[in-house]
């Protein structure tokens, strides 16, 4: 028993019908679409079409996710540099000499202590 059976092309009277040859003109005038062979292959054609559409959708979604990931990585790098910059500025402004300069600019009467702090030991 063969998996690929030949179609019986005999008619009711017993004579065989010749196979129709493919013509390009049948593609353009629509005769190919209404032939029996095409009707049998229609579910497979729809399945292939569905697979192609799923493939296109999958590649588009993948590309969008890659772009989003790159954007987020760039944003994370920018935030890292920004936080480092802010931390450096705060450290610089928090130094004793910078505080004293700022107090002089503002006109405050607070000055640096002239005497050493007293350390109380137990």
N, C-alpha and C. Protein backbone atom coordinates (compact mmCIF):
# COMPACT_ATOMS: atom_id res chain seq x y z
N UNK A 1 0.85 -1.18 0.00
CA UNK A 1 0.00 0.00 0.00
C UNK A 1 0.89 1.25 0.00
N UNK A 2 0.63 2.11 -0.88
CA UNK A 2 1.44 3.30 -1.03
C UNK A 2 0.77 4.50 -0.33
N UNK A 3 1.61 5.32 0.23
CA UNK A 3 1.07 6.53 0.86
C UNK A 3 0.58 7.52 -0.18
N UNK A 4 1.25 7.53 -1.30
CA UNK A 4 0.91 8.48 -2.34
C UNK A 4 0.15 7.74 -3.44
N UNK A 5 -1.12 7.80 -3.36
CA UNK A 5 -1.95 7.09 -4.33
C UNK A 5 -2.19 7.97 -5.54
N UNK A 6 -2.24 7.32 -6.66
CA UNK A 6 -2.59 8.07 -7.87
C UNK A 6 -4.09 8.20 -7.92
N UNK A 7 -4.51 9.30 -8.40
CA UNK A 7 -5.93 9.50 -8.58
C UNK A 7 -6.43 8.69 -9.76
N UNK A 8 -7.59 8.21 -9.60
CA UNK A 8 -8.20 7.49 -10.70
C UNK A 8 -8.78 8.51 -11.66
N UNK A 9 -8.24 8.53 -12.85
CA UNK A 9 -8.69 9.52 -13.83
C UNK A 9 -9.65 8.92 -14.84
N UNK A 10 -10.19 7.77 -14.51
CA UNK A 10 -11.14 7.16 -15.44
C UNK A 10 -12.52 7.76 -15.26
N UNK A 11 -13.23 7.86 -16.33
CA UNK A 11 -14.59 8.39 -16.28
C UNK A 11 -15.57 7.24 -16.13
N UNK A 12 -16.84 7.54 -16.10
CA UNK A 12 -17.87 6.51 -15.95
C UNK A 12 -17.89 5.55 -17.14
N UNK A 13 -17.46 6.01 -18.28
CA UNK A 13 -17.46 5.15 -19.46
C UNK A 13 -16.22 4.28 -19.53
N UNK A 14 -15.21 4.56 -18.72
CA UNK A 14 -14.04 3.71 -18.69
C UNK A 14 -12.82 4.30 -19.38
N UNK A 15 -12.97 5.36 -20.15
CA UNK A 15 -11.80 5.93 -20.79
C UNK A 15 -11.11 6.92 -19.85
N UNK A 16 -9.82 7.06 -19.96
CA UNK A 16 -9.05 7.92 -19.06
C UNK A 16 -9.02 9.33 -19.62
N UNK A 17 -8.97 10.28 -18.66
CA UNK A 17 -8.90 11.69 -19.04
C UNK A 17 -7.43 12.09 -19.07
N UNK A 18 -7.01 12.84 -20.04
CA UNK A 18 -5.61 13.30 -20.05
C UNK A 18 -5.41 14.36 -18.96
N UNK A 19 -4.21 14.38 -18.38
CA UNK A 19 -3.91 15.38 -17.36
C UNK A 19 -3.81 16.75 -18.01
N UNK A 20 -4.31 17.73 -17.30
CA UNK A 20 -4.23 19.09 -17.81
C UNK A 20 -2.87 19.65 -17.46
N UNK A 21 -2.27 20.32 -18.40
CA UNK A 21 -0.97 20.94 -18.16
C UNK A 21 -1.16 22.32 -17.55
N UNK A 22 -0.17 22.71 -16.77
CA UNK A 22 -0.22 24.04 -16.15
C UNK A 22 0.09 25.09 -17.19
N UNK A 23 -0.75 26.09 -17.23
CA UNK A 23 -0.54 27.22 -18.14
C UNK A 23 -0.49 28.49 -17.32
N UNK A 24 0.39 29.37 -17.69
CA UNK A 24 0.51 30.64 -16.99
C UNK A 24 -0.76 31.46 -17.16
N UNK A 25 -1.39 31.33 -18.29
CA UNK A 25 -2.62 32.09 -18.52
C UNK A 25 -3.73 31.66 -17.55
N UNK A 26 -3.70 30.38 -17.09
CA UNK A 26 -4.72 29.94 -16.13
C UNK A 26 -4.52 30.61 -14.78
N UNK A 27 -3.31 31.00 -14.49
CA UNK A 27 -3.04 31.72 -13.25
C UNK A 27 -3.64 33.13 -13.30
N UNK A 28 -3.53 33.76 -14.47
CA UNK A 28 -4.02 35.13 -14.59
C UNK A 28 -5.53 35.22 -14.79
N UNK A 29 -6.13 34.26 -15.46
CA UNK A 29 -7.57 34.34 -15.68
C UNK A 29 -8.39 33.69 -14.56
N UNK A 30 -7.73 33.06 -13.57
CA UNK A 30 -8.43 32.53 -12.41
C UNK A 30 -8.87 31.10 -12.53
N UNK A 31 -8.59 30.44 -13.64
CA UNK A 31 -9.00 29.06 -13.82
C UNK A 31 -8.27 28.12 -12.86
N UNK A 32 -7.06 28.47 -12.49
CA UNK A 32 -6.28 27.64 -11.59
C UNK A 32 -6.91 27.62 -10.19
N UNK A 33 -7.52 28.73 -9.79
CA UNK A 33 -8.09 28.82 -8.45
C UNK A 33 -9.33 27.97 -8.28
N UNK A 34 -10.03 27.67 -9.36
CA UNK A 34 -11.27 26.90 -9.23
C UNK A 34 -11.08 25.43 -9.61
N UNK A 35 -9.84 25.04 -9.89
CA UNK A 35 -9.60 23.64 -10.27
C UNK A 35 -9.70 22.74 -9.03
N UNK A 36 -9.94 21.45 -9.26
CA UNK A 36 -10.09 20.50 -8.16
C UNK A 36 -8.81 20.35 -7.34
N UNK A 37 -7.69 20.35 -8.01
CA UNK A 37 -6.41 20.21 -7.31
C UNK A 37 -6.16 21.36 -6.36
N UNK A 38 -6.55 22.55 -6.77
CA UNK A 38 -6.34 23.72 -5.92
C UNK A 38 -7.28 23.69 -4.72
N UNK A 39 -8.50 23.23 -4.93
CA UNK A 39 -9.45 23.15 -3.81
C UNK A 39 -8.94 22.19 -2.74
N UNK A 40 -8.31 21.11 -3.15
CA UNK A 40 -7.78 20.16 -2.18
C UNK A 40 -6.60 20.73 -1.42
N UNK A 41 -5.84 21.57 -2.05
CA UNK A 41 -4.64 22.15 -1.42
C UNK A 41 -4.93 23.42 -0.63
N UNK A 42 -6.13 23.90 -0.69
CA UNK A 42 -6.49 25.16 -0.04
C UNK A 42 -6.24 25.16 1.47
N UNK A 43 -6.58 24.11 2.22
CA UNK A 43 -6.27 24.13 3.66
C UNK A 43 -4.77 24.25 3.94
N UNK A 44 -3.96 23.60 3.12
CA UNK A 44 -2.51 23.69 3.30
C UNK A 44 -1.99 25.09 2.99
N UNK A 45 -2.57 25.69 1.98
CA UNK A 45 -2.18 27.05 1.62
C UNK A 45 -2.53 28.02 2.76
N UNK A 46 -3.72 27.85 3.34
CA UNK A 46 -4.10 28.69 4.48
C UNK A 46 -3.17 28.45 5.66
N UNK A 47 -2.78 27.20 5.89
CA UNK A 47 -1.88 26.89 6.99
C UNK A 47 -0.51 27.54 6.77
N UNK A 48 0.01 27.46 5.56
CA UNK A 48 1.29 28.10 5.24
C UNK A 48 1.18 29.62 5.40
N UNK A 49 0.07 30.18 4.96
CA UNK A 49 -0.16 31.62 5.11
C UNK A 49 -0.17 32.01 6.59
N UNK A 50 -0.84 31.20 7.41
CA UNK A 50 -0.88 31.46 8.85
C UNK A 50 0.51 31.40 9.46
N UNK A 51 1.30 30.41 9.05
CA UNK A 51 2.67 30.31 9.58
C UNK A 51 3.52 31.51 9.17
N UNK A 52 3.36 31.97 7.95
CA UNK A 52 4.11 33.14 7.49
C UNK A 52 3.72 34.38 8.30
N UNK A 53 2.42 34.55 8.53
CA UNK A 53 1.97 35.70 9.31
C UNK A 53 2.49 35.63 10.76
N UNK A 54 2.49 34.42 11.34
CA UNK A 54 3.00 34.26 12.70
C UNK A 54 4.50 34.57 12.74
N UNK A 55 5.24 34.17 11.71
CA UNK A 55 6.66 34.44 11.65
C UNK A 55 6.94 35.94 11.56
N UNK A 56 6.19 36.62 10.73
CA UNK A 56 6.37 38.08 10.59
C UNK A 56 6.04 38.77 11.90
N UNK A 57 4.96 38.37 12.55
CA UNK A 57 4.59 38.97 13.83
C UNK A 57 5.65 38.70 14.88
N UNK A 58 6.19 37.50 14.90
CA UNK A 58 7.21 37.14 15.87
C UNK A 58 8.48 37.98 15.67
N UNK A 59 8.91 38.15 14.45
CA UNK A 59 10.11 38.94 14.19
C UNK A 59 9.89 40.41 14.53
N UNK A 60 8.70 40.94 14.25
CA UNK A 60 8.40 42.33 14.60
C UNK A 60 8.40 42.52 16.12
N UNK A 61 7.79 41.59 16.85
CA UNK A 61 7.76 41.68 18.31
C UNK A 61 9.16 41.59 18.89
N UNK A 62 9.98 40.70 18.34
CA UNK A 62 11.36 40.55 18.81
C UNK A 62 12.15 41.83 18.59
N UNK A 63 11.98 42.44 17.44
CA UNK A 63 12.69 43.69 17.14
C UNK A 63 12.26 44.80 18.10
N UNK A 64 10.96 44.88 18.41
CA UNK A 64 10.48 45.89 19.35
C UNK A 64 11.07 45.67 20.74
N UNK A 65 11.16 44.43 21.16
CA UNK A 65 11.72 44.14 22.49
C UNK A 65 13.21 44.47 22.55
N UNK A 66 13.93 44.22 21.47
CA UNK A 66 15.36 44.56 21.43
C UNK A 66 15.53 46.07 21.51
N UNK A 67 14.71 46.82 20.78
CA UNK A 67 14.79 48.28 20.83
C UNK A 67 14.46 48.80 22.23
N UNK A 68 13.45 48.22 22.87
CA UNK A 68 13.08 48.63 24.23
C UNK A 68 14.20 48.33 25.21
N UNK A 69 14.84 47.18 25.05
CA UNK A 69 15.94 46.82 25.95
C UNK A 69 17.11 47.78 25.78
N UNK A 70 17.45 48.13 24.55
CA UNK A 70 18.54 49.07 24.31
C UNK A 70 18.21 50.43 24.91
N UNK A 71 16.96 50.86 24.77
CA UNK A 71 16.56 52.14 25.32
C UNK A 71 16.68 52.14 26.84
N UNK A 72 16.25 51.06 27.47
CA UNK A 72 16.33 50.96 28.93
C UNK A 72 17.78 50.88 29.41
N UNK A 73 18.64 50.18 28.67
CA UNK A 73 20.04 50.12 29.05
C UNK A 73 20.69 51.50 28.96
N UNK A 74 20.36 52.25 27.92
CA UNK A 74 20.90 53.60 27.78
C UNK A 74 20.40 54.49 28.91
N UNK A 75 19.12 54.36 29.25
CA UNK A 75 18.55 55.15 30.33
C UNK A 75 19.20 54.79 31.66
N UNK A 76 19.48 53.51 31.90
CA UNK A 76 20.13 53.09 33.14
C UNK A 76 21.55 53.64 33.23
N UNK A 77 22.26 53.64 32.11
CA UNK A 77 23.61 54.20 32.09
C UNK A 77 23.58 55.69 32.37
N UNK A 78 22.64 56.40 31.75
CA UNK A 78 22.52 57.84 32.00
C UNK A 78 22.20 58.13 33.47
N UNK A 79 21.31 57.33 34.05
CA UNK A 79 20.97 57.53 35.47
C UNK A 79 22.17 57.25 36.37
N UNK A 80 22.97 56.28 36.00
CA UNK A 80 24.17 55.94 36.79
C UNK A 80 25.15 57.12 36.77
N UNK A 81 25.39 57.66 35.58
CA UNK A 81 26.29 58.81 35.48
C UNK A 81 25.74 60.03 36.22
N UNK A 82 24.45 60.22 36.13
CA UNK A 82 23.81 61.35 36.80
C UNK A 82 23.94 61.22 38.33
N UNK A 83 23.71 60.02 38.85
CA UNK A 83 23.82 59.83 40.30
C UNK A 83 25.26 60.00 40.77
N UNK A 84 26.23 59.55 39.96
CA UNK A 84 27.64 59.74 40.32
C UNK A 84 27.98 61.22 40.34
N UNK A 85 27.47 61.97 39.38
CA UNK A 85 27.72 63.41 39.31
C UNK A 85 27.13 64.13 40.52
N UNK A 86 25.90 63.78 40.87
CA UNK A 86 25.24 64.41 42.02
C UNK A 86 25.97 64.06 43.31
N UNK A 87 26.40 62.83 43.44
CA UNK A 87 27.14 62.39 44.64
C UNK A 87 28.45 63.16 44.76
N UNK A 88 29.15 63.36 43.67
CA UNK A 88 30.41 64.10 43.68
C UNK A 88 30.17 65.56 44.09
N UNK A 89 29.12 66.16 43.55
CA UNK A 89 28.81 67.56 43.90
C UNK A 89 28.46 67.69 45.38
N UNK A 90 27.68 66.75 45.90
CA UNK A 90 27.32 66.81 47.32
C UNK A 90 28.52 66.59 48.22
N UNK A 91 29.40 65.71 47.83
CA UNK A 91 30.61 65.48 48.62
C UNK A 91 31.47 66.73 48.63
N UNK A 92 31.60 67.38 47.48
CA UNK A 92 32.41 68.60 47.40
C UNK A 92 31.80 69.72 48.23
N UNK A 93 30.48 69.90 48.13
CA UNK A 93 29.83 70.97 48.88
C UNK A 93 29.81 70.70 50.37
N UNK A 94 29.91 69.45 50.76
CA UNK A 94 29.88 69.10 52.18
C UNK A 94 31.23 69.23 52.87
N UNK A 95 32.28 69.50 52.14
CA UNK A 95 33.60 69.64 52.76
C UNK A 95 33.65 70.93 53.58
N UNK A 96 34.45 70.89 54.61
CA UNK A 96 34.52 72.00 55.57
C UNK A 96 34.90 73.32 54.91
N UNK A 97 35.89 73.31 54.03
CA UNK A 97 36.31 74.57 53.38
C UNK A 97 35.21 75.14 52.51
N UNK A 98 34.48 74.27 51.81
CA UNK A 98 33.39 74.73 50.96
C UNK A 98 32.26 75.32 51.80
N UNK A 99 32.00 74.69 52.96
CA UNK A 99 30.97 75.22 53.85
C UNK A 99 31.34 76.61 54.36
N UNK A 100 32.59 76.75 54.74
CA UNK A 100 33.03 78.07 55.23
C UNK A 100 32.96 79.13 54.14
N UNK A 101 33.33 78.79 52.91
CA UNK A 101 33.23 79.74 51.79
C UNK A 101 31.78 80.15 51.57
N UNK A 102 30.89 79.20 51.61
CA UNK A 102 29.47 79.48 51.40
C UNK A 102 28.92 80.36 52.52
N UNK A 103 29.34 80.10 53.74
CA UNK A 103 28.88 80.92 54.86
C UNK A 103 29.39 82.35 54.74
N UNK A 104 30.60 82.53 54.26
CA UNK A 104 31.14 83.89 54.06
C UNK A 104 30.38 84.62 52.96
N UNK A 105 30.03 83.90 51.88
CA UNK A 105 29.28 84.51 50.79
C UNK A 105 27.90 84.95 51.24
N UNK A 106 27.28 84.15 52.09
CA UNK A 106 25.94 84.46 52.57
C UNK A 106 26.00 85.60 53.58
N UNK A 107 27.13 85.75 54.25
CA UNK A 107 27.27 86.81 55.24
C UNK A 107 26.99 86.33 56.64
N UNK A 108 27.18 85.08 56.87
CA UNK A 108 26.95 84.52 58.20
C UNK A 108 28.13 84.84 59.11
N UNK A 109 27.86 84.92 60.41
CA UNK A 109 28.91 85.24 61.37
C UNK A 109 29.57 83.98 61.93
N UNK A 110 29.15 82.83 61.46
CA UNK A 110 29.74 81.57 61.93
C UNK A 110 31.13 81.46 61.34
N UNK A 111 32.09 81.15 62.18
CA UNK A 111 33.48 81.01 61.74
C UNK A 111 34.03 79.69 62.23
N UNK A 112 35.22 79.43 61.82
CA UNK A 112 35.89 78.22 62.23
C UNK A 112 36.27 78.33 63.70
N UNK A 113 36.17 77.22 64.43
CA UNK A 113 36.47 77.26 65.86
C UNK A 113 37.96 77.52 66.07
N UNK A 114 38.26 78.41 67.05
CA UNK A 114 39.64 78.76 67.32
C UNK A 114 40.28 77.79 68.33
N UNK A 115 39.46 77.20 69.17
CA UNK A 115 40.00 76.27 70.19
C UNK A 115 39.69 74.85 69.76
N UNK A 116 40.55 73.98 70.24
CA UNK A 116 40.36 72.57 69.95
C UNK A 116 39.19 72.02 70.73
N UNK A 117 38.44 71.09 70.19
CA UNK A 117 37.33 70.51 70.96
C UNK A 117 37.88 69.69 72.13
N UNK A 118 37.14 69.66 73.21
CA UNK A 118 37.53 68.91 74.41
C UNK A 118 36.96 67.50 74.29
N UNK A 119 37.83 66.53 74.49
CA UNK A 119 37.42 65.14 74.41
C UNK A 119 37.24 64.62 75.81
N UNK A 120 36.08 64.10 76.13
CA UNK A 120 35.78 63.55 77.45
C UNK A 120 35.94 62.05 77.39
N UNK A 121 36.80 61.54 78.22
CA UNK A 121 37.02 60.11 78.25
C UNK A 121 36.38 59.50 79.46
N UNK A 122 35.99 58.25 79.40
CA UNK A 122 35.41 57.57 80.55
C UNK A 122 36.45 57.03 81.47
